[in-house]
Amino acid sequence: MDPQSGDEVWRGLLSGEFDWERDRRRFRLLPASKRCKNCLAPLKGAGALFMRWIGRGPYERNPRFCNF
């Protein structure tokens, strides 16, 4: 992820353009034994396969969070 896209993500989160709660509700429906502490994305279990397919997996520096 380049710095400009990271800035765009934060701008969207803080301004309300990005609906964080909608994604949390969606990710909660996927089966998982371990989830991201921010967005509830599955990090382990059956739902993690789908998340890795769309490009979201555990963050390298802290495995409690996803790499979003």
PDB file of N, CA and C in Angstrom:
ATOM      1  N   MET A   1       0.852  -1.170   0.000  1.00  0.00           N
ATOM      2  CA  MET A   1       0.000   0.000   0.000  1.00  0.00           C
ATOM      3  C   MET A   1       0.898   1.234   0.000  1.00  0.00           C
ATOM      4  N   ASP A   2       0.666   2.130  -0.900  1.00  0.00           N
ATOM      5  CA  ASP A   2       1.466   3.343  -0.939  1.00  0.00           C
ATOM      6  C   ASP A   2       0.914   4.366   0.045  1.00  0.00           C
ATOM      7  N   PRO A   3       1.724   5.341   0.477  1.00  0.00           N
ATOM      8  CA  PRO A   3       1.281   6.305   1.493  1.00  0.00           C
ATOM      9  C   PRO A   3       0.052   7.105   1.079  1.00  0.00           C
ATOM     10  N   GLN A   4      -0.068   7.401  -0.204  1.00  0.00           N
ATOM     11  CA  GLN A   4      -1.215   8.191  -0.641  1.00  0.00           C
ATOM     12  C   GLN A   4      -2.518   7.428  -0.429  1.00  0.00           C
ATOM     13  N   SER A   5      -2.554   6.139  -0.755  1.00  0.00           N
ATOM     14  CA  SER A   5      -3.781   5.373  -0.560  1.00  0.00           C
ATOM     15  C   SER A   5      -4.075   5.202   0.933  1.00  0.00           C
ATOM     16  N   GLY A   6      -3.029   5.101   1.764  1.00  0.00           N
ATOM     17  CA  GLY A   6      -3.243   5.049   3.208  1.00  0.00           C
ATOM     18  C   GLY A   6      -3.870   6.324   3.722  1.00  0.00           C
ATOM     19  N   ASP A   7      -3.417   7.457   3.196  1.00  0.00           N
ATOM     20  CA  ASP A   7      -4.025   8.731   3.576  1.00  0.00           C
ATOM     21  C   ASP A   7      -5.481   8.796   3.148  1.00  0.00           C
ATOM     22  N   GLU A   8      -5.770   8.266   1.984  1.00  0.00           N
ATOM     23  CA  GLU A   8      -7.156   8.264   1.504  1.00  0.00           C
ATOM     24  C   GLU A   8      -8.045   7.400   2.392  1.00  0.00           C
ATOM     25  N   VAL A   9      -7.514   6.278   2.831  1.00  0.00           N
ATOM     26  CA  VAL A   9      -8.287   5.401   3.712  1.00  0.00           C
ATOM     27  C   VAL A   9      -8.591   6.117   5.030  1.00  0.00           C
ATOM     28  N   TRP A  10      -7.582   6.722   5.641  1.00  0.00           N
ATOM     29  CA  TRP A  10      -7.798   7.422   6.903  1.00  0.00           C
ATOM     30  C   TRP A  10      -8.736   8.605   6.732  1.00  0.00           C
ATOM     31  N   ARG A  11      -8.605   9.331   5.636  1.00  0.00           N
ATOM     32  CA  ARG A  11      -9.502  10.458   5.391  1.00  0.00           C
ATOM     33  C   ARG A  11     -10.946   9.972   5.306  1.00  0.00           C
ATOM     34  N   GLY A  12     -11.156   8.860   4.599  1.00  0.00           N
ATOM     35  CA  GLY A  12     -12.494   8.299   4.480  1.00  0.00           C
ATOM     36  C   GLY A  12     -13.048   7.816   5.810  1.00  0.00           C
ATOM     37  N   LEU A  13     -12.195   7.196   6.632  1.00  0.00           N
ATOM     38  CA  LEU A  13     -12.644   6.717   7.940  1.00  0.00           C
ATOM     39  C   LEU A  13     -13.021   7.866   8.863  1.00  0.00           C
ATOM     40  N   LEU A  14     -12.178   8.890   8.890  1.00  0.00           N
ATOM     41  CA  LEU A  14     -12.412   9.996   9.818  1.00  0.00           C
ATOM     42  C   LEU A  14     -13.513  10.942   9.363  1.00  0.00           C
ATOM     43  N   SER A  15     -13.740  11.034   8.064  1.00  0.00           N
ATOM     44  CA  SER A  15     -14.781  11.934   7.566  1.00  0.00           C
ATOM     45  C   SER A  15     -16.145  11.267   7.508  1.00  0.00           C
ATOM     46  N   GLY A  16     -16.186   9.944   7.635  1.00  0.00           N
ATOM     47  CA  GLY A  16     -17.459   9.238   7.602  1.00  0.00           C
ATOM     48  C   GLY A  16     -17.832   8.747   6.221  1.00  0.00           C
ATOM     49  N   GLU A  17     -16.965   8.936   5.230  1.00  0.00           N
ATOM     50  CA  GLU A  17     -17.252   8.462   3.879  1.00  0.00           C
ATOM     51  C   GLU A  17     -17.194   6.939   3.799  1.00  0.00           C
ATOM     52  N   PHE A  18     -16.369   6.324   4.611  1.00  0.00           N
ATOM     53  CA  PHE A  18     -16.210   4.880   4.646  1.00  0.00           C
ATOM     54  C   PHE A  18     -17.046   4.342   5.796  1.00  0.00           C
ATOM     55  N   ASP A  19     -17.946   3.409   5.498  1.00  0.00           N
ATOM     56  CA  ASP A  19     -18.841   2.862   6.522  1.00  0.00           C
ATOM     57  C   ASP A  19     -18.178   1.666   7.209  1.00  0.00           C
ATOM     58  N   TRP A  20     -17.474   1.932   8.290  1.00  0.00           N
ATOM     59  CA  TRP A  20     -16.741   0.918   9.040  1.00  0.00           C
ATOM     60  C   TRP A  20     -17.685  -0.123   9.645  1.00  0.00           C
ATOM     61  N   GLU A  21     -18.805   0.319  10.167  1.00  0.00           N
ATOM     62  CA  GLU A  21     -19.742  -0.595  10.827  1.00  0.00           C
ATOM     63  C   GLU A  21     -20.367  -1.578   9.848  1.00  0.00           C
ATOM     64  N   ARG A  22     -20.595  -1.152   8.617  1.00  0.00           N
ATOM     65  CA  ARG A  22     -21.159  -2.059   7.613  1.00  0.00           C
ATOM     66  C   ARG A  22     -20.215  -3.237   7.389  1.00  0.00           C
ATOM     67  N   ASP A  23     -18.924  -2.952   7.257  1.00  0.00           N
ATOM     68  CA  ASP A  23     -17.955  -4.025   7.062  1.00  0.00           C
ATOM     69  C   ASP A  23     -17.854  -4.912   8.291  1.00  0.00           C
ATOM     70  N   ARG A  24     -17.924  -4.344   9.471  1.00  0.00           N
ATOM     71  CA  ARG A  24     -17.884  -5.156  10.694  1.00  0.00           C
ATOM     72  C   ARG A  24     -19.060  -6.129  10.749  1.00  0.00           C
ATOM     73  N   ARG A  25     -20.247  -5.671  10.353  1.00  0.00           N
ATOM     74  CA  ARG A  25     -21.418  -6.548  10.342  1.00  0.00           C
ATOM     75  C   ARG A  25     -21.246  -7.675   9.328  1.00  0.00           C
ATOM     76  N   ARG A  26     -20.694  -7.349   8.166  1.00  0.00           N
ATOM     77  CA  ARG A  26     -20.477  -8.378   7.141  1.00  0.00           C
ATOM     78  C   ARG A  26     -19.456  -9.413   7.592  1.00  0.00           C
ATOM     79  N   PHE A  27     -18.325  -8.948   8.107  1.00  0.00           N
ATOM     80  CA  PHE A  27     -17.258  -9.863   8.510  1.00  0.00           C
ATOM     81  C   PHE A  27     -17.675 -10.735   9.685  1.00  0.00           C
ATOM     82  N   ARG A  28     -18.573 -10.257  10.515  1.00  0.00           N
ATOM     83  CA  ARG A  28     -19.040 -11.032  11.667  1.00  0.00           C
ATOM     84  C   ARG A  28     -19.771 -12.307  11.219  1.00  0.00           C
ATOM     85  N   LEU A  29     -20.329 -12.288  10.017  1.00  0.00           N
ATOM     86  CA  LEU A  29     -21.072 -13.439   9.511  1.00  0.00           C
ATOM     87  C   LEU A  29     -20.168 -14.574   9.039  1.00  0.00           C
ATOM     88  N   LEU A  30     -18.910 -14.271   8.736  1.00  0.00           N
ATOM     89  CA  LEU A  30     -17.980 -15.289   8.267  1.00  0.00           C
ATOM     90  C   LEU A  30     -17.446 -16.104   9.454  1.00  0.00           C
ATOM     91  N   PRO A  31     -17.351 -17.419   9.302  1.00  0.00           N
ATOM     92  CA  PRO A  31     -16.858 -18.243  10.409  1.00  0.00           C
ATOM     93  C   PRO A  31     -15.366 -18.027  10.640  1.00  0.00           C
ATOM     94  N   ALA A  32     -14.971 -17.947  11.920  1.00  0.00           N
ATOM     95  CA  ALA A  32     -13.555 -17.745  12.247  1.00  0.00           C
ATOM     96  C   ALA A  32     -13.301 -18.129  13.694  1.00  0.00           C
ATOM     97  N   SER A  33     -12.062 -18.560  13.941  1.00  0.00           N
ATOM     98  CA  SER A  33     -11.654 -18.840  15.313  1.00  0.00           C
ATOM     99  C   SER A  33     -10.852 -17.673  15.890  1.00  0.00           C
ATOM    100  N   LYS A  34     -10.364 -16.796  15.025  1.00  0.00           N
ATOM    101  CA  LYS A  34      -9.618 -15.619  15.450  1.00  0.00           C
ATOM    102  C   LYS A  34      -9.960 -14.473  14.502  1.00  0.00           C
ATOM    103  N   ARG A  35     -10.188 -13.264  15.056  1.00  0.00           N
ATOM    104  CA  ARG A  35     -10.619 -12.129  14.251  1.00  0.00           C
ATOM    105  C   ARG A  35      -9.752 -10.901  14.515  1.00  0.00           C
ATOM    106  N   CYS A  36      -9.764  -9.990  13.535  1.00  0.00           N
ATOM    107  CA  CYS A  36      -9.087  -8.702  13.682  1.00  0.00           C
ATOM    108  C   CYS A  36      -9.792  -7.906  14.780  1.00  0.00           C
ATOM    109  N   LYS A  37      -9.035  -7.240  15.613  1.00  0.00           N
ATOM    110  CA  LYS A  37      -9.615  -6.491  16.721  1.00  0.00           C
ATOM    111  C   LYS A  37     -10.319  -5.213  16.254  1.00  0.00           C
ATOM    112  N   ASN A  38      -9.998  -4.713  15.063  1.00  0.00           N
ATOM    113  CA  ASN A  38     -10.636  -3.489  14.564  1.00  0.00           C
ATOM    114  C   ASN A  38     -11.880  -3.775  13.736  1.00  0.00           C
ATOM    115  N   CYS A  39     -11.730  -4.618  12.715  1.00  0.00           N
ATOM    116  CA  CYS A  39     -12.812  -4.755  11.742  1.00  0.00           C
ATOM    117  C   CYS A  39     -13.511  -6.115  11.783  1.00  0.00           C
ATOM    118  N   LEU A  40     -13.113  -6.998  12.677  1.00  0.00           N
ATOM    119  CA  LEU A  40     -13.688  -8.337  12.837  1.00  0.00           C
ATOM    120  C   LEU A  40     -13.478  -9.236  11.625  1.00  0.00           C
ATOM    121  N   ALA A  41     -12.502  -8.921  10.786  1.00  0.00           N
ATOM    122  CA  ALA A  41     -12.190  -9.788   9.651  1.00  0.00           C
ATOM    123  C   ALA A  41     -11.610 -11.100  10.167  1.00  0.00           C
ATOM    124  N   PRO A  42     -12.038 -12.226   9.613  1.00  0.00           N
ATOM    125  CA  PRO A  42     -11.498 -13.513  10.048  1.00  0.00           C
ATOM    126  C   PRO A  42     -10.015 -13.640   9.724  1.00  0.00           C
ATOM    127  N   LEU A  43      -9.224 -14.043  10.702  1.00  0.00           N
ATOM    128  CA  LEU A  43      -7.801 -14.242  10.499  1.00  0.00           C
ATOM    129  C   LEU A  43      -7.424 -15.711  10.502  1.00  0.00           C
ATOM    130  N   LYS A  44      -8.245 -16.544  11.108  1.00  0.00           N
ATOM    131  CA  LYS A  44      -8.031 -17.990  11.119  1.00  0.00           C
ATOM    132  C   LYS A  44      -9.379 -18.665  10.954  1.00  0.00           C
ATOM    133  N   GLY A  45      -9.357 -19.853  10.425  1.00  0.00           N
ATOM    134  CA  GLY A  45     -10.584 -20.595  10.214  1.00  0.00           C
ATOM    135  C   GLY A  45     -11.030 -20.531   8.764  1.00  0.00           C
ATOM    136  N   ALA A  46     -12.250 -20.973   8.517  1.00  0.00           N
ATOM    137  CA  ALA A  46     -12.766 -21.054   7.154  1.00  0.00           C
ATOM    138  C   ALA A  46     -12.920 -19.675   6.505  1.00  0.00           C
ATOM    139  N   GLY A  47     -13.311 -18.675   7.256  1.00  0.00           N
ATOM    140  CA  GLY A  47     -13.479 -17.335   6.702  1.00  0.00           C
ATOM    141  C   GLY A  47     -12.175 -16.679   6.300  1.00  0.00           C
ATOM    142  N   ALA A  48     -11.067 -17.116   6.883  1.00  0.00           N
ATOM    143  CA  ALA A  48      -9.760 -16.535   6.561  1.00  0.00           C
ATOM    144  C   ALA A  48      -9.351 -16.839   5.127  1.00  0.00           C
ATOM    145  N   LEU A  49      -9.778 -17.961   4.589  1.00  0.00           N
ATOM    146  CA  LEU A  49      -9.458 -18.283   3.199  1.00  0.00           C
ATOM    147  C   LEU A  49     -10.057 -17.252   2.249  1.00  0.00           C
ATOM    148  N   PHE A  50     -11.293 -16.873   2.503  1.00  0.00           N
ATOM    149  CA  PHE A  50     -11.939 -15.850   1.679  1.00  0.00           C
ATOM    150  C   PHE A  50     -11.249 -14.497   1.840  1.00  0.00           C
ATOM    151  N   MET A  51     -10.902 -14.142   3.054  1.00  0.00           N
ATOM    152  CA  MET A  51     -10.265 -12.851   3.289  1.00  0.00           C
ATOM    153  C   MET A  51      -8.893 -12.782   2.618  1.00  0.00           C
ATOM    154  N   ARG A  52      -8.146 -13.844   2.636  1.00  0.00           N
ATOM    155  CA  ARG A  52      -6.845 -13.855   1.962  1.00  0.00           C
ATOM    156  C   ARG A  52      -7.028 -13.786   0.451  1.00  0.00           C
ATOM    157  N   TRP A  53      -8.111 -14.358  -0.059  1.00  0.00           N
ATOM    158  CA  TRP A  53      -8.396 -14.307  -1.480  1.00  0.00           C
ATOM    159  C   TRP A  53      -8.651 -12.868  -1.933  1.00  0.00           C
ATOM    160  N   ILE A  54      -9.285 -12.053  -1.084  1.00  0.00           N
ATOM    161  CA  ILE A  54      -9.528 -10.657  -1.443  1.00  0.00           C
ATOM    162  C   ILE A  54      -8.377  -9.748  -1.005  1.00  0.00           C
ATOM    163  N   GLY A  55      -7.331 -10.319  -0.408  1.00  0.00           N
ATOM    164  CA  GLY A  55      -6.134  -9.552  -0.101  1.00  0.00           C
ATOM    165  C   GLY A  55      -5.983  -9.076   1.332  1.00  0.00           C
ATOM    166  N   ARG A  56      -6.762  -9.602   2.238  1.00  0.00           N
ATOM    167  CA  ARG A  56      -6.656  -9.210   3.644  1.00  0.00           C
ATOM    168  C   ARG A  56      -6.256 -10.410   4.479  1.00  0.00           C
ATOM    169  N   GLY A  57      -5.152 -10.269   5.164  1.00  0.00           N
ATOM    170  CA  GLY A  57      -4.656 -11.332   6.032  1.00  0.00           C
ATOM    171  C   GLY A  57      -4.121 -10.719   7.305  1.00  0.00           C
ATOM    172  N   PRO A  58      -3.472 -11.500   8.150  1.00  0.00           N
ATOM    173  CA  PRO A  58      -2.906 -10.958   9.388  1.00  0.00           C
ATOM    174  C   PRO A  58      -1.782  -9.962   9.101  1.00  0.00           C
ATOM    175  N   TYR A  59      -1.711  -8.929   9.886  1.00  0.00           N
ATOM    176  CA  TYR A  59      -0.652  -7.938   9.773  1.00  0.00           C
ATOM    177  C   TYR A  59       0.653  -8.550  10.275  1.00  0.00           C
ATOM    178  N   GLU A  60       1.747  -8.307   9.569  1.00  0.00           N
ATOM    179  CA  GLU A  60       3.021  -8.947   9.913  1.00  0.00           C
ATOM    180  C   GLU A  60       3.535  -8.544  11.285  1.00  0.00           C
ATOM    181  N   ARG A  61       3.359  -7.293  11.651  1.00  0.00           N
ATOM    182  CA  ARG A  61       3.931  -6.788  12.907  1.00  0.00           C
ATOM    183  C   ARG A  61       3.072  -7.080  14.134  1.00  0.00           C
ATOM    184  N   ASN A  62       1.774  -7.241  13.938  1.00  0.00           N
ATOM    185  CA  ASN A  62       0.895  -7.545  15.054  1.00  0.00           C
ATOM    186  C   ASN A  62      -0.205  -8.483  14.551  1.00  0.00           C
ATOM    187  N   PRO A  63      -0.144  -9.753  14.870  1.00  0.00           N
ATOM    188  CA  PRO A  63      -1.101 -10.718  14.332  1.00  0.00           C
ATOM    189  C   PRO A  63      -2.532 -10.564  14.855  1.00  0.00           C
ATOM    190  N   ARG A  64      -2.765  -9.647  15.776  1.00  0.00           N
ATOM    191  CA  ARG A  64      -4.129  -9.425  16.277  1.00  0.00           C
ATOM    192  C   ARG A  64      -4.941  -8.532  15.341  1.00  0.00           C
ATOM    193  N   PHE A  65      -4.297  -7.951  14.339  1.00  0.00           N
ATOM    194  CA  PHE A  65      -4.950  -7.032  13.417  1.00  0.00           C
ATOM    195  C   PHE A  65      -4.772  -7.515  11.981  1.00  0.00           C
ATOM    196  N   CYS A  66      -5.638  -7.065  11.074  1.00  0.00           N
ATOM    197  CA  CYS A  66      -5.489  -7.420   9.665  1.00  0.00           C
ATOM    198  C   CYS A  66      -4.612  -6.378   8.972  1.00  0.00           C
ATOM    199  N   ASN A  67      -4.243  -6.669   7.748  1.00  0.00           N
ATOM    200  CA  ASN A  67      -3.341  -5.777   7.016  1.00  0.00           C
ATOM    201  C   ASN A  67      -4.089  -4.733   6.195  1.00  0.00           C
ATOM    202  N   PHE A  68      -5.246  -4.313   6.634  1.00  0.00           N
ATOM    203  CA  PHE A  68      -6.029  -3.313   5.906  1.00  0.00           C
ATOM    204  C   PHE A  68      -5.408  -1.950   6.032  1.00  0.00           C
TER     205      PHE A  68
END
